[in-house]
C-alpha cells in the first residue's frame, strides 16, 4: 500500500450534497474507500449516484447533524451498509452573515447548531465506535475565520472556532486509537461562497476575495486565486490517511496565504 493514500475502508462524509463535502466524498471514493454520504439535503443522493458511476460502493443518508438522534441512527445505518467507519470527515456547515449588533438570534443559533453541535454529535457517535475498535481518523473542515476575525462573520467564525476545539478535544481523549485533525479552508469556489457575490453565476466575484478589502480589514490572497473544492479535499485525504499517521490535534490551513499563516 502506498503511504500517500489512506488505507481503503469505510468512510462517512457529512455535508456531502455539494461543494467541499461532495469533493471530499469523491476523493475518498477515488482512493478506494466505501463512502457513506450524509446531508440534510436530499440532493446527497445525487452525490451517491456520482460515486456509483465511478464504481464506488456508497450509501446515502438524509439526516440533520444538529439532531443527535438522527445522527445516531444514521451512523448505525452507515456501518450496517458499508462496515466499520475508518474515516470521518465532518464537512456539514452553514453560513449566516451580518454585524453582531444586527444579526438575528436565529442565525446565531443556526451556526452553532450545525457547525459546532454537528461536529459534537457526529464526532461522539463515530468516535465511540472507533475508540472501541482501536482505530480511526477524524477530520473536521472548519474555516480560516476560526483564527482570524472577519467583519460580518462573527457567528460563523465563532462556531467554526468551536468546531476546531471540539475536534482537538476528541483527538486528545481518543488517543492513541483515533487521530483527529482539522482543515481550515479560506475562500473556496462553492455555492456557499458564491452566495456572497453580487452575481453568483459570475466568476468575477472571486476578484474581491483575491484583492482583499481595506474597508473590511480583509487581506487578499497571495497565491492569486480562490480554492477549488478539490484543493480542500486533497488536504482532508492527506490527514485521513497513513501518510499523516503521526499527526493529530493539528490544523492545516488551505487559504492561499490569505491569513498569513495565522
C-alpha atoms as a PDB file:
ATOM      1  CA  UNK A   1       0.000   0.000   0.000  1.00  0.00           C
ATOM      2  CA  UNK A   2       1.287   3.462  -0.865  1.00  0.00           C
ATOM      3  CA  UNK A   3       1.894   5.698   2.137  1.00  0.00           C
ATOM      4  CA  UNK A   4       0.458   8.536   0.053  1.00  0.00           C
ATOM      5  CA  UNK A   5      -3.107   7.218   0.134  1.00  0.00           C
ATOM      6  CA  UNK A   6      -5.406   6.262   3.010  1.00  0.00           C
ATOM      7  CA  UNK A   7      -5.909   2.591   3.677  1.00  0.00           C
ATOM      8  CA  UNK A   8      -9.236   1.781   1.991  1.00  0.00           C
ATOM      9  CA  UNK A   9     -12.094   1.184   4.401  1.00  0.00           C
ATOM     10  CA  UNK A  10     -15.454   2.729   5.123  1.00  0.00           C
ATOM     11  CA  UNK A  11     -15.704   6.494   5.351  1.00  0.00           C
ATOM     12  CA  UNK A  12     -18.502   8.853   6.387  1.00  0.00           C
ATOM     13  CA  UNK A  13     -18.710  12.373   4.968  1.00  0.00           C
ATOM     14  CA  UNK A  14     -21.212  14.921   6.290  1.00  0.00           C
ATOM     15  CA  UNK A  15     -22.376  17.904   4.250  1.00  0.00           C
ATOM     16  CA  UNK A  16     -21.848  15.814   1.134  1.00  0.00           C
ATOM     17  CA  UNK A  17     -24.656  17.138  -1.065  1.00  0.00           C
ATOM     18  CA  UNK A  18     -22.430  19.708  -2.755  1.00  0.00           C
ATOM     19  CA  UNK A  19     -19.306  21.824  -2.516  1.00  0.00           C
ATOM     20  CA  UNK A  20     -16.414  20.709  -0.336  1.00  0.00           C
ATOM     21  CA  UNK A  21     -18.342  17.784   1.137  1.00  0.00           C
ATOM     22  CA  UNK A  22     -19.068  16.306  -2.284  1.00  0.00           C
ATOM     23  CA  UNK A  23     -15.432  16.819  -3.294  1.00  0.00           C
ATOM     24  CA  UNK A  24     -14.213  15.043  -0.146  1.00  0.00           C
ATOM     25  CA  UNK A  25     -16.556  12.124  -0.817  1.00  0.00           C
ATOM     26  CA  UNK A  26     -15.210  11.882  -4.373  1.00  0.00           C
ATOM     27  CA  UNK A  27     -11.580  11.976  -3.214  1.00  0.00           C
ATOM     28  CA  UNK A  28     -12.173   9.230  -0.657  1.00  0.00           C
ATOM     29  CA  UNK A  29     -14.004   7.091  -3.209  1.00  0.00           C
ATOM     30  CA  UNK A  30     -11.183   7.512  -5.727  1.00  0.00           C
ATOM     31  CA  UNK A  31      -8.754   6.383  -3.014  1.00  0.00           C
ATOM     32  CA  UNK A  32     -10.713   3.138  -2.702  1.00  0.00           C
ATOM     33  CA  UNK A  33     -12.953   3.822   0.267  1.00  0.00           C
ATOM     34  CA  UNK A  34     -16.535   2.751   0.641  1.00  0.00           C
ATOM     35  CA  UNK A  35     -18.217   6.095   1.298  1.00  0.00           C
ATOM     36  CA  UNK A  36     -21.375   6.931   3.212  1.00  0.00           C
ATOM     37  CA  UNK A  37     -22.559  10.432   2.302  1.00  0.00           C
ATOM     38  CA  UNK A  38     -24.781  12.367   4.693  1.00  0.00           C
ATOM     39  CA  UNK A  39     -26.633  15.644   4.366  1.00  0.00           C
ATOM     40  CA  UNK A  40     -29.985  17.066   5.445  1.00  0.00           C
ATOM     41  CA  UNK A  41     -30.465  17.967   1.771  1.00  0.00           C
ATOM     42  CA  UNK A  42     -31.878  15.029  -0.192  1.00  0.00           C
ATOM     43  CA  UNK A  43     -29.560  16.092  -3.002  1.00  0.00           C
ATOM     44  CA  UNK A  44     -26.961  13.959  -1.223  1.00  0.00           C
ATOM     45  CA  UNK A  45     -28.454  11.055  -3.162  1.00  0.00           C
ATOM     46  CA  UNK A  46     -27.114  12.688  -6.332  1.00  0.00           C
ATOM     47  CA  UNK A  47     -23.629  12.605  -4.816  1.00  0.00           C
ATOM     48  CA  UNK A  48     -24.066   8.903  -4.118  1.00  0.00           C
ATOM     49  CA  UNK A  49     -25.167   8.358  -7.718  1.00  0.00           C
ATOM     50  CA  UNK A  50     -21.997  10.069  -8.982  1.00  0.00           C
ATOM     51  CA  UNK A  51     -19.854   7.854  -6.776  1.00  0.00           C
ATOM     52  CA  UNK A  52     -21.627   4.741  -8.032  1.00  0.00           C
ATOM     53  CA  UNK A  53     -20.995   5.852 -11.604  1.00  0.00           C
ATOM     54  CA  UNK A  54     -17.290   5.748 -10.727  1.00  0.00           C
ATOM     55  CA  UNK A  55     -17.646   2.222  -9.426  1.00  0.00           C
ATOM     56  CA  UNK A  56     -17.535   3.130  -5.732  1.00  0.00           C
ATOM     57  CA  UNK A  57     -19.563   1.427  -3.045  1.00  0.00           C
ATOM     58  CA  UNK A  58     -21.641   4.109  -1.341  1.00  0.00           C
ATOM     59  CA  UNK A  59     -24.698   4.746   0.797  1.00  0.00           C
ATOM     60  CA  UNK A  60     -26.727   7.967   1.022  1.00  0.00           C
ATOM     61  CA  UNK A  61     -28.119   9.215   4.333  1.00  0.00           C
ATOM     62  CA  UNK A  62     -30.555  12.113   4.718  1.00  0.00           C
ATOM     63  CA  UNK A  63     -30.108  13.400   8.266  1.00  0.00           C
ATOM     64  CA  UNK A  64     -29.522  16.648  10.163  1.00  0.00           C
ATOM     65  CA  UNK A  65     -26.239  16.736  12.091  1.00  0.00           C
ATOM     66  CA  UNK A  66     -27.748  19.165  14.595  1.00  0.00           C
ATOM     67  CA  UNK A  67     -30.065  16.378  15.801  1.00  0.00           C
ATOM     68  CA  UNK A  68     -28.218  13.832  17.956  1.00  0.00           C
ATOM     69  CA  UNK A  69     -30.943  11.229  17.494  1.00  0.00           C
ATOM     70  CA  UNK A  70     -30.828  11.437  13.717  1.00  0.00           C
ATOM     71  CA  UNK A  71     -27.037  11.258  13.815  1.00  0.00           C
ATOM     72  CA  UNK A  72     -27.028   8.119  15.930  1.00  0.00           C
ATOM     73  CA  UNK A  73     -29.441   6.370  13.591  1.00  0.00           C
ATOM     74  CA  UNK A  74     -27.515   7.482  10.509  1.00  0.00           C
ATOM     75  CA  UNK A  75     -24.154   6.275  11.826  1.00  0.00           C
ATOM     76  CA  UNK A  76     -25.644   2.875  12.685  1.00  0.00           C
ATOM     77  CA  UNK A  77     -27.195   2.659   9.206  1.00  0.00           C
ATOM     78  CA  UNK A  78     -23.904   3.624   7.539  1.00  0.00           C
ATOM     79  CA  UNK A  79     -21.989   0.904   9.348  1.00  0.00           C
ATOM     80  CA  UNK A  80     -24.683  -1.672   8.655  1.00  0.00           C
ATOM     81  CA  UNK A  81     -24.419  -0.850   4.954  1.00  0.00           C
ATOM     82  CA  UNK A  82     -20.666  -0.373   4.494  1.00  0.00           C
ATOM     83  CA  UNK A  83     -18.922  -1.763   7.558  1.00  0.00           C
ATOM     84  CA  UNK A  84     -16.923  -0.100  10.356  1.00  0.00           C
ATOM     85  CA  UNK A  85     -16.179   3.581   9.780  1.00  0.00           C
ATOM     86  CA  UNK A  86     -12.442   4.110   9.426  1.00  0.00           C
ATOM     87  CA  UNK A  87     -12.587   7.763   8.374  1.00  0.00           C
ATOM     88  CA  UNK A  88     -14.983  10.529   9.403  1.00  0.00           C
ATOM     89  CA  UNK A  89     -14.989  13.841   7.545  1.00  0.00           C
ATOM     90  CA  UNK A  90     -17.077  16.493   9.297  1.00  0.00           C
ATOM     91  CA  UNK A  91     -17.871  18.927   6.488  1.00  0.00           C
ATOM     92  CA  UNK A  92     -21.502  19.969   7.116  1.00  0.00           C
ATOM     93  CA  UNK A  93     -21.762  23.696   7.636  1.00  0.00           C
ATOM     94  CA  UNK A  94     -23.999  26.718   7.268  1.00  0.00           C
ATOM     95  CA  UNK A  95     -23.107  30.383   6.794  1.00  0.00           C
ATOM     96  CA  UNK A  96     -25.063  33.268   8.302  1.00  0.00           C
ATOM     97  CA  UNK A  97     -23.553  36.724   7.895  1.00  0.00           C
ATOM     98  CA  UNK A  98     -24.243  40.111   9.418  1.00  0.00           C
ATOM     99  CA  UNK A  99     -22.948  42.513  12.079  1.00  0.00           C
ATOM    100  CA  UNK A 100     -23.140  41.223  15.639  1.00  0.00           C
ATOM    101  CA  UNK A 101     -25.399  44.105  16.647  1.00  0.00           C
ATOM    102  CA  UNK A 102     -27.879  43.255  13.909  1.00  0.00           C
ATOM    103  CA  UNK A 103     -27.707  39.501  13.327  1.00  0.00           C
ATOM    104  CA  UNK A 104     -30.856  37.619  14.317  1.00  0.00           C
ATOM    105  CA  UNK A 105     -30.650  35.217  17.226  1.00  0.00           C
ATOM    106  CA  UNK A 106     -31.941  32.516  14.883  1.00  0.00           C
ATOM    107  CA  UNK A 107     -28.899  32.965  12.636  1.00  0.00           C
ATOM    108  CA  UNK A 108     -26.536  32.695  15.601  1.00  0.00           C
ATOM    109  CA  UNK A 109     -28.323  29.536  16.738  1.00  0.00           C
ATOM    110  CA  UNK A 110     -28.211  28.029  13.235  1.00  0.00           C
ATOM    111  CA  UNK A 111     -24.432  28.453  13.011  1.00  0.00           C
ATOM    112  CA  UNK A 112     -23.879  26.842  16.382  1.00  0.00           C
ATOM    113  CA  UNK A 113     -26.356  24.012  15.741  1.00  0.00           C
ATOM    114  CA  UNK A 114     -24.735  22.791  12.527  1.00  0.00           C
ATOM    115  CA  UNK A 115     -21.146  23.983  12.634  1.00  0.00           C
ATOM    116  CA  UNK A 116     -20.413  23.246  16.303  1.00  0.00           C
ATOM    117  CA  UNK A 117     -23.070  20.891  17.681  1.00  0.00           C
ATOM    118  CA  UNK A 118     -22.979  18.935  14.417  1.00  0.00           C
ATOM    119  CA  UNK A 119     -19.291  18.182  14.928  1.00  0.00           C
ATOM    120  CA  UNK A 120     -20.030  17.306  18.556  1.00  0.00           C
ATOM    121  CA  UNK A 121     -22.853  14.900  17.687  1.00  0.00           C
ATOM    122  CA  UNK A 122     -21.176  13.135  14.770  1.00  0.00           C
ATOM    123  CA  UNK A 123     -17.768  13.085  16.438  1.00  0.00           C
ATOM    124  CA  UNK A 124     -19.185  11.408  19.519  1.00  0.00           C
ATOM    125  CA  UNK A 125     -21.335   8.908  17.616  1.00  0.00           C
ATOM    126  CA  UNK A 126     -18.483   7.805  15.372  1.00  0.00           C
ATOM    127  CA  UNK A 127     -15.769   8.332  17.981  1.00  0.00           C
ATOM    128  CA  UNK A 128     -17.393   5.825  20.373  1.00  0.00           C
ATOM    129  CA  UNK A 129     -17.229   3.166  17.680  1.00  0.00           C
ATOM    130  CA  UNK A 130     -13.718   3.997  16.511  1.00  0.00           C
ATOM    131  CA  UNK A 131     -12.345   4.045  20.048  1.00  0.00           C
ATOM    132  CA  UNK A 132     -13.879   0.671  20.847  1.00  0.00           C
ATOM    133  CA  UNK A 133     -12.242  -0.796  17.717  1.00  0.00           C
ATOM    134  CA  UNK A 134      -8.918   0.879  18.423  1.00  0.00           C
ATOM    135  CA  UNK A 135      -8.540   2.730  15.138  1.00  0.00           C
ATOM    136  CA  UNK A 136      -9.835   5.600  13.043  1.00  0.00           C
ATOM    137  CA  UNK A 137      -9.219   9.082  11.717  1.00  0.00           C
ATOM    138  CA  UNK A 138     -11.463  12.123  12.107  1.00  0.00           C
ATOM    139  CA  UNK A 139     -11.021  15.274  10.027  1.00  0.00           C
ATOM    140  CA  UNK A 140     -13.156  18.359  10.552  1.00  0.00           C
ATOM    141  CA  UNK A 141     -13.443  21.040   7.892  1.00  0.00           C
ATOM    142  CA  UNK A 142     -13.644  24.366   9.738  1.00  0.00           C
ATOM    143  CA  UNK A 143     -12.562  27.759   8.330  1.00  0.00           C
ATOM    144  CA  UNK A 144      -9.640  30.166   8.413  1.00  0.00           C
ATOM    145  CA  UNK A 145     -12.114  32.560  10.063  1.00  0.00           C
ATOM    146  CA  UNK A 146     -11.795  30.368  13.169  1.00  0.00           C
ATOM    147  CA  UNK A 147      -8.423  32.035  13.776  1.00  0.00           C
ATOM    148  CA  UNK A 148      -8.826  35.469  12.165  1.00  0.00           C
ATOM    149  CA  UNK A 149     -11.873  37.713  12.760  1.00  0.00           C
ATOM    150  CA  UNK A 150     -13.967  38.780   9.767  1.00  0.00           C
ATOM    151  CA  UNK A 151     -16.359  41.709   9.561  1.00  0.00           C
ATOM    152  CA  UNK A 152     -19.929  40.427   9.491  1.00  0.00           C
ATOM    153  CA  UNK A 153     -18.926  36.821  10.114  1.00  0.00           C
ATOM    154  CA  UNK A 154     -18.683  36.589  13.907  1.00  0.00           C
ATOM    155  CA  UNK A 155     -21.361  33.925  14.304  1.00  0.00           C
ATOM    156  CA  UNK A 156     -19.843  31.728  11.627  1.00  0.00           C
ATOM    157  CA  UNK A 157     -16.292  32.277  12.894  1.00  0.00           C
ATOM    158  CA  UNK A 158     -17.232  31.519  16.497  1.00  0.00           C
ATOM    159  CA  UNK A 159     -18.980  28.303  15.510  1.00  0.00           C
ATOM    160  CA  UNK A 160     -16.008  27.202  13.419  1.00  0.00           C
ATOM    161  CA  UNK A 161     -13.603  28.005  16.277  1.00  0.00           C
ATOM    162  CA  UNK A 162     -15.763  25.775  18.467  1.00  0.00           C
ATOM    163  CA  UNK A 163     -15.554  23.027  15.837  1.00  0.00           C
ATOM    164  CA  UNK A 164     -11.758  23.242  15.940  1.00  0.00           C
ATOM    165  CA  UNK A 165     -11.615  22.843  19.718  1.00  0.00           C
ATOM    166  CA  UNK A 166     -14.189  20.029  19.777  1.00  0.00           C
ATOM    167  CA  UNK A 167     -12.053  18.138  17.281  1.00  0.00           C
ATOM    168  CA  UNK A 168      -8.853  18.738  19.220  1.00  0.00           C
ATOM    169  CA  UNK A 169     -10.589  17.642  22.426  1.00  0.00           C
ATOM    170  CA  UNK A 170     -11.673  14.445  20.734  1.00  0.00           C
ATOM    171  CA  UNK A 171      -8.144  13.861  19.488  1.00  0.00           C
ATOM    172  CA  UNK A 172      -6.746  14.208  22.995  1.00  0.00           C
ATOM    173  CA  UNK A 173      -9.345  11.978  24.613  1.00  0.00           C
ATOM    174  CA  UNK A 174      -9.414   9.287  21.918  1.00  0.00           C
ATOM    175  CA  UNK A 175      -5.627   8.946  21.565  1.00  0.00           C
ATOM    176  CA  UNK A 176      -3.849   6.729  20.783  1.00  0.00           C
ATOM    177  CA  UNK A 177      -6.642   4.884  18.998  1.00  0.00           C
ATOM    178  CA  UNK A 178      -8.054   7.739  16.903  1.00  0.00           C
ATOM    179  CA  UNK A 179      -6.331  10.680  15.236  1.00  0.00           C
ATOM    180  CA  UNK A 180      -8.302  13.932  14.981  1.00  0.00           C
ATOM    181  CA  UNK A 181      -7.272  16.894  12.820  1.00  0.00           C
ATOM    182  CA  UNK A 182      -8.746  19.998  11.210  1.00  0.00           C
ATOM    183  CA  UNK A 183      -8.629  21.545   7.753  1.00  0.00           C
ATOM    184  CA  UNK A 184      -9.342  25.288   7.633  1.00  0.00           C
ATOM    185  CA  UNK A 185     -10.185  26.500   4.126  1.00  0.00           C
ATOM    186  CA  UNK A 186     -10.308  30.094   3.047  1.00  0.00           C
ATOM    187  CA  UNK A 187     -12.419  31.355   0.156  1.00  0.00           C
ATOM    188  CA  UNK A 188     -13.413  28.333  -1.943  1.00  0.00           C
ATOM    189  CA  UNK A 189     -15.480  28.162  -5.114  1.00  0.00           C
ATOM    190  CA  UNK A 190     -18.655  26.630  -3.679  1.00  0.00           C
ATOM    191  CA  UNK A 191     -22.345  27.605  -3.757  1.00  0.00           C
ATOM    192  CA  UNK A 192     -21.925  28.948  -0.199  1.00  0.00           C
ATOM    193  CA  UNK A 193     -19.082  31.225  -1.324  1.00  0.00           C
ATOM    194  CA  UNK A 194     -20.846  32.356  -4.487  1.00  0.00           C
ATOM    195  CA  UNK A 195     -23.924  33.337  -2.472  1.00  0.00           C
ATOM    196  CA  UNK A 196     -21.803  36.176  -1.053  1.00  0.00           C
ATOM    197  CA  UNK A 197     -21.025  37.587  -4.518  1.00  0.00           C
ATOM    198  CA  UNK A 198     -23.154  40.236  -6.290  1.00  0.00           C
ATOM    199  CA  UNK A 199     -23.825  37.674  -9.050  1.00  0.00           C
ATOM    200  CA  UNK A 200     -23.359  34.013  -8.022  1.00  0.00           C
ATOM    201  CA  UNK A 201     -23.060  32.989 -11.680  1.00  0.00           C
ATOM    202  CA  UNK A 202     -20.230  35.414 -12.431  1.00  0.00           C
ATOM    203  CA  UNK A 203     -16.786  34.031 -11.623  1.00  0.00           C
ATOM    204  CA  UNK A 204     -15.536  37.606 -11.420  1.00  0.00           C
ATOM    205  CA  UNK A 205     -16.930  37.644  -7.889  1.00  0.00           C
ATOM    206  CA  UNK A 206     -13.716  35.956  -6.805  1.00  0.00           C
ATOM    207  CA  UNK A 207     -11.767  39.109  -7.643  1.00  0.00           C
ATOM    208  CA  UNK A 208     -12.799  40.834  -4.437  1.00  0.00           C
ATOM    209  CA  UNK A 209     -11.603  37.880  -2.391  1.00  0.00           C
ATOM    210  CA  UNK A 210      -8.258  37.856  -4.172  1.00  0.00           C
ATOM    211  CA  UNK A 211      -7.542  41.585  -3.864  1.00  0.00           C
ATOM    212  CA  UNK A 212      -8.912  41.978  -0.337  1.00  0.00           C
ATOM    213  CA  UNK A 213     -10.687  44.957   1.180  1.00  0.00           C
ATOM    214  CA  UNK A 214      -9.292  47.710   3.390  1.00  0.00           C
ATOM    215  CA  UNK A 215     -12.807  48.727   4.412  1.00  0.00           C
ATOM    216  CA  UNK A 216     -13.427  45.322   5.987  1.00  0.00           C
ATOM    217  CA  UNK A 217      -9.842  44.779   7.207  1.00  0.00           C
ATOM    218  CA  UNK A 218      -9.547  41.755   4.945  1.00  0.00           C
ATOM    219  CA  UNK A 219      -6.239  40.811   3.346  1.00  0.00           C
ATOM    220  CA  UNK A 220      -6.064  39.462  -0.174  1.00  0.00           C
ATOM    221  CA  UNK A 221      -4.848  36.042  -1.267  1.00  0.00           C
ATOM    222  CA  UNK A 222      -1.103  35.890  -2.024  1.00  0.00           C
ATOM    223  CA  UNK A 223      -1.470  32.926  -4.394  1.00  0.00           C
ATOM    224  CA  UNK A 224      -3.866  34.971  -6.528  1.00  0.00           C
ATOM    225  CA  UNK A 225      -6.778  32.534  -6.686  1.00  0.00           C
ATOM    226  CA  UNK A 226      -9.535  31.123  -4.546  1.00  0.00           C
ATOM    227  CA  UNK A 227      -9.510  27.408  -3.844  1.00  0.00           C
ATOM    228  CA  UNK A 228     -11.303  24.704  -5.749  1.00  0.00           C
ATOM    229  CA  UNK A 229     -13.181  22.221  -3.533  1.00  0.00           C
ATOM    230  CA  UNK A 230     -10.680  19.586  -4.663  1.00  0.00           C
ATOM    231  CA  UNK A 231      -7.849  21.587  -3.073  1.00  0.00           C
ATOM    232  CA  UNK A 232      -9.536  21.217   0.296  1.00  0.00           C
ATOM    233  CA  UNK A 233     -10.440  17.584  -0.351  1.00  0.00           C
ATOM    234  CA  UNK A 234      -6.790  16.761  -1.020  1.00  0.00           C
ATOM    235  CA  UNK A 235      -5.861  18.143   2.406  1.00  0.00           C
ATOM    236  CA  UNK A 236      -8.605  16.082   4.055  1.00  0.00           C
ATOM    237  CA  UNK A 237      -7.398  12.975   2.226  1.00  0.00           C
ATOM    238  CA  UNK A 238      -3.849  13.540   3.490  1.00  0.00           C
ATOM    239  CA  UNK A 239      -4.918  13.943   7.118  1.00  0.00           C
ATOM    240  CA  UNK A 240      -7.284  10.991   6.881  1.00  0.00           C
ATOM    241  CA  UNK A 241      -4.662   8.556   5.703  1.00  0.00           C
ATOM    242  CA  UNK A 242      -1.491   6.747   6.626  1.00  0.00           C
ATOM    243  CA  UNK A 243       0.808   9.456   5.250  1.00  0.00           C
ATOM    244  CA  UNK A 244      -0.144  11.513   8.314  1.00  0.00           C
ATOM    245  CA  UNK A 245      -0.082   8.644  10.807  1.00  0.00           C
ATOM    246  CA  UNK A 246       1.950  10.664  13.362  1.00  0.00           C
ATOM    247  CA  UNK A 247      -0.171  13.815  13.065  1.00  0.00           C
ATOM    248  CA  UNK A 248      -3.040  14.560  15.435  1.00  0.00           C
ATOM    249  CA  UNK A 249      -4.572  17.662  17.108  1.00  0.00           C
ATOM    250  CA  UNK A 250      -3.329  19.772  14.188  1.00  0.00           C
ATOM    251  CA  UNK A 251      -4.869  22.357  11.860  1.00  0.00           C
ATOM    252  CA  UNK A 252      -3.942  22.602   8.180  1.00  0.00           C
ATOM    253  CA  UNK A 253      -4.976  25.926   6.642  1.00  0.00           C
ATOM    254  CA  UNK A 254      -5.796  25.866   2.927  1.00  0.00           C
ATOM    255  CA  UNK A 255      -6.343  29.512   2.003  1.00  0.00           C
ATOM    256  CA  UNK A 256      -3.606  30.504  -0.461  1.00  0.00           C
ATOM    257  CA  UNK A 257      -1.912  32.517   2.295  1.00  0.00           C
ATOM    258  CA  UNK A 258      -4.923  34.750   2.982  1.00  0.00           C
ATOM    259  CA  UNK A 259      -4.396  34.715   6.739  1.00  0.00           C
ATOM    260  CA  UNK A 260      -0.593  34.978   6.512  1.00  0.00           C
ATOM    261  CA  UNK A 261      -0.109  31.764   8.475  1.00  0.00           C
ATOM    262  CA  UNK A 262      -2.178  32.883  11.470  1.00  0.00           C
END
